[in-house]
C-alpha atoms as a PDB file:
ATOM      1  CA  GLN A   1      38.822 299.726-147.611  1.00  0.00           C
ATOM      2  CA  VAL A   2      39.865 297.615-144.618  1.00  0.00           C
ATOM      3  CA  GLN A   3      43.481 296.826-143.821  1.00  0.00           C
ATOM      4  CA  LEU A   4      44.821 294.539-141.097  1.00  0.00           C
ATOM      5  CA  VAL A   5      48.485 294.654-140.150  1.00  0.00           C
ATOM      6  CA  GLU A   6      50.081 292.136-137.815  1.00  0.00           C
ATOM      7  CA  SER A   7      53.341 292.660-135.954  1.00  0.00           C
ATOM      8  CA  GLY A   8      55.365 291.224-133.104  1.00  0.00           C
ATOM      9  CA  GLY A   9      56.562 287.947-134.540  1.00  0.00           C
ATOM     10  CA  GLY A  10      60.120 286.736-134.359  1.00  0.00           C
ATOM     11  CA  LEU A  11      62.486 284.021-133.227  1.00  0.00           C
ATOM     12  CA  VAL A  12      62.122 282.846-129.642  1.00  0.00           C
ATOM     13  CA  GLN A  13      63.467 279.935-127.637  1.00  0.00           C
ATOM     14  CA  PRO A  14      61.147 277.248-126.284  1.00  0.00           C
ATOM     15  CA  GLY A  15      59.529 278.482-123.091  1.00  0.00           C
ATOM     16  CA  GLY A  16      59.751 282.085-124.201  1.00  0.00           C
ATOM     17  CA  SER A  17      57.034 284.648-124.838  1.00  0.00           C
ATOM     18  CA  LEU A  18      55.876 286.935-127.620  1.00  0.00           C
ATOM     19  CA  ARG A  19      53.069 289.445-127.944  1.00  0.00           C
ATOM     20  CA  LEU A  20      51.463 289.816-131.336  1.00  0.00           C
ATOM     21  CA  SER A  21      49.502 292.887-132.373  1.00  0.00           C
ATOM     22  CA  CYS A  22      46.933 293.410-135.106  1.00  0.00           C
ATOM     23  CA  ALA A  23      46.000 296.948-136.125  1.00  0.00           C
ATOM     24  CA  ALA A  24      42.887 297.516-138.219  1.00  0.00           C
ATOM     25  CA  SER A  25      42.213 300.583-140.311  1.00  0.00           C
ATOM     26  CA  GLY A  26      39.621 301.685-142.812  1.00  0.00           C
ATOM     27  CA  SER A  27      35.921 301.101-143.008  1.00  0.00           C
ATOM     28  CA  VAL A  28      33.211 299.873-145.329  1.00  0.00           C
ATOM     29  CA  SER A  29      30.254 302.135-146.029  1.00  0.00           C
ATOM     30  CA  GLY A  30      31.180 304.092-142.932  1.00  0.00           C
ATOM     31  CA  VAL A  31      31.223 300.972-140.761  1.00  0.00           C
ATOM     32  CA  THR A  32      34.365 300.176-138.770  1.00  0.00           C
ATOM     33  CA  ILE A  33      35.412 296.566-139.164  1.00  0.00           C
ATOM     34  CA  SER A  34      37.098 295.080-136.106  1.00  0.00           C
ATOM     35  CA  PRO A  35      39.328 292.011-135.981  1.00  0.00           C
ATOM     36  CA  THR A  36      38.266 289.317-133.538  1.00  0.00           C
ATOM     37  CA  LYS A  37      40.298 286.216-134.363  1.00  0.00           C
ATOM     38  CA  TRP A  38      43.853 284.932-134.570  1.00  0.00           C
ATOM     39  CA  TYR A  39      44.736 282.077-136.888  1.00  0.00           C
ATOM     40  CA  ARG A  40      48.012 280.366-137.620  1.00  0.00           C
ATOM     41  CA  GLU A  41      49.350 278.376-140.515  1.00  0.00           C
ATOM     42  CA  ALA A  42      52.360 276.118-140.190  1.00  0.00           C
ATOM     43  CA  PRO A  43      54.265 274.881-143.246  1.00  0.00           C
ATOM     44  CA  GLY A  44      52.383 272.035-144.871  1.00  0.00           C
ATOM     45  CA  SER A  45      49.346 272.511-142.649  1.00  0.00           C
ATOM     46  CA  GLU A  46      45.983 274.150-143.018  1.00  0.00           C
ATOM     47  CA  ARG A  47      45.252 277.468-141.401  1.00  0.00           C
ATOM     48  CA  GLU A  48      43.748 276.912-137.947  1.00  0.00           C
ATOM     49  CA  LEU A  49      41.871 279.083-135.506  1.00  0.00           C
ATOM     50  CA  VAL A  50      43.987 279.824-132.443  1.00  0.00           C
ATOM     51  CA  ALA A  51      41.945 282.302-130.423  1.00  0.00           C
ATOM     52  CA  ARG A  52      38.857 284.433-130.790  1.00  0.00           C
ATOM     53  CA  LEU A  53      36.923 287.138-129.026  1.00  0.00           C
ATOM     54  CA  LEU A  54      33.277 286.413-128.394  1.00  0.00           C
ATOM     55  CA  GLY A  55      30.461 288.611-127.159  1.00  0.00           C
ATOM     56  CA  ASP A  56      30.484 290.022-123.629  1.00  0.00           C
ATOM     57  CA  ASP A  57      34.294 289.906-123.566  1.00  0.00           C
ATOM     58  CA  ALA A  58      34.326 286.119-123.601  1.00  0.00           C
ATOM     59  CA  THR A  59      37.198 284.318-125.315  1.00  0.00           C
ATOM     60  CA  ASP A  60      37.786 280.944-126.878  1.00  0.00           C
ATOM     61  CA  TYR A  61      41.009 279.060-127.591  1.00  0.00           C
ATOM     62  CA  ALA A  62      42.230 276.045-129.450  1.00  0.00           C
ATOM     63  CA  ASP A  63      42.997 273.211-127.051  1.00  0.00           C
ATOM     64  CA  SER A  64      46.642 273.299-128.041  1.00  0.00           C
ATOM     65  CA  VAL A  65      47.125 276.838-126.703  1.00  0.00           C
ATOM     66  CA  LYS A  66      44.759 276.958-123.727  1.00  0.00           C
ATOM     67  CA  GLY A  67      46.488 278.226-120.623  1.00  0.00           C
ATOM     68  CA  ARG A  68      49.395 279.624-122.658  1.00  0.00           C
ATOM     69  CA  PHE A  69      47.864 282.184-125.050  1.00  0.00           C
ATOM     70  CA  THR A  70      45.654 285.141-124.226  1.00  0.00           C
ATOM     71  CA  ILE A  71      43.698 287.221-126.711  1.00  0.00           C
ATOM     72  CA  SER A  72      42.771 290.791-125.847  1.00  0.00           C
ATOM     73  CA  LYS A  73      41.645 293.976-127.540  1.00  0.00           C
ATOM     74  CA  ASP A  74      41.919 297.734-127.461  1.00  0.00           C
ATOM     75  CA  SER A  75      38.612 298.883-128.898  1.00  0.00           C
ATOM     76  CA  GLN A  76      39.612 302.531-129.006  1.00  0.00           C
ATOM     77  CA  LYS A  77      42.575 301.748-131.212  1.00  0.00           C
ATOM     78  CA  ASN A  78      40.750 298.968-133.090  1.00  0.00           C
ATOM     79  CA  MET A  79      43.506 296.504-132.261  1.00  0.00           C
ATOM     80  CA  ILE A  80      43.714 292.986-130.958  1.00  0.00           C
ATOM     81  CA  PHE A  81      46.628 291.239-129.325  1.00  0.00           C
ATOM     82  CA  LEU A  82      47.825 287.724-128.702  1.00  0.00           C
ATOM     83  CA  GLN A  83      50.035 287.170-125.682  1.00  0.00           C
ATOM     84  CA  MET A  84      51.856 283.883-126.162  1.00  0.00           C
ATOM     85  CA  ASN A  85      53.665 282.339-123.204  1.00  0.00           C
ATOM     86  CA  ASN A  86      55.542 279.089-122.739  1.00  0.00           C
ATOM     87  CA  LEU A  87      56.033 278.813-126.478  1.00  0.00           C
ATOM     88  CA  LYS A  88      56.753 275.422-127.985  1.00  0.00           C
ATOM     89  CA  PRO A  89      58.399 274.448-131.279  1.00  0.00           C
ATOM     90  CA  GLU A  90      54.998 273.321-132.553  1.00  0.00           C
ATOM     91  CA  ASP A  91      53.772 276.911-132.217  1.00  0.00           C
ATOM     92  CA  THR A  92      56.019 277.833-135.130  1.00  0.00           C
ATOM     93  CA  ALA A  93      53.784 279.289-137.839  1.00  0.00           C
ATOM     94  CA  GLY A  94      52.624 282.377-139.619  1.00  0.00           C
ATOM     95  CA  TYR A  95      50.044 284.132-137.445  1.00  0.00           C
ATOM     96  CA  TYR A  96      47.163 286.032-139.046  1.00  0.00           C
ATOM     97  CA  CYS A  97      44.413 288.180-137.642  1.00  0.00           C
ATOM     98  CA  ASN A  98      40.946 288.101-139.143  1.00  0.00           C
ATOM     99  CA  ALA A  99      37.916 290.341-139.299  1.00  0.00           C
ATOM    100  CA  ARG A 100      34.657 289.034-140.675  1.00  0.00           C
ATOM    101  CA  SER A 101      31.465 290.980-141.271  1.00  0.00           C
ATOM    102  CA  ILE A 102      28.563 291.132-143.679  1.00  0.00           C
ATOM    103  CA  TYR A 103      30.810 293.276-145.853  1.00  0.00           C
ATOM    104  CA  GLY A 104      33.532 290.711-146.230  1.00  0.00           C
ATOM    105  CA  ASN A 105      36.231 288.519-144.707  1.00  0.00           C
ATOM    106  CA  TYR A 106      39.495 290.367-144.121  1.00  0.00           C
ATOM    107  CA  TRP A 107      43.010 289.085-143.468  1.00  0.00           C
ATOM    108  CA  GLY A 108      46.360 290.601-142.720  1.00  0.00           C
ATOM    109  CA  LYS A 109      49.579 289.452-144.369  1.00  0.00           C
ATOM    110  CA  GLY A 110      50.688 287.713-141.200  1.00  0.00           C
ATOM    111  CA  THR A 111      53.652 287.735-138.878  1.00  0.00           C
ATOM    112  CA  LEU A 112      56.050 284.814-138.554  1.00  0.00           C
ATOM    113  CA  VAL A 113      56.705 283.142-135.224  1.00  0.00           C
ATOM    114  CA  THR A 114      59.601 280.711-134.986  1.00  0.00           C
ATOM    115  CA  VAL A 115      60.190 278.765-131.787  1.00  0.00           C
ATOM    116  CA  SER A 116      63.580 277.127-131.806  1.00  0.00           C
ATOM    117  CA  SER A 117      66.648 276.687-129.668  1.00  0.00           C
END
């Protein structure tokens, strides 16, 4: 059974920074499932892809966060991170990590980020 747990959210002023973490545990048929994406969902909005890890350590970001957010990973610990700088009120949302494989599509319960003065 695969479990994803996000942490690191909180209340921050505009221009501030937060670092989100996603820890994955468990496996399916002996296969370790690794998270590779961060999504967010603001009230009244659909869940959107924020950042993702691609092959060969490449990364991809939504236009709205390019230059401000950085996704990274610790493969040994099976964790991913999202460093968020220069936060804006429109970044306020629940942030979720995601792992997708042939065995299924896995989500954490999310961590809330609120950007407000």
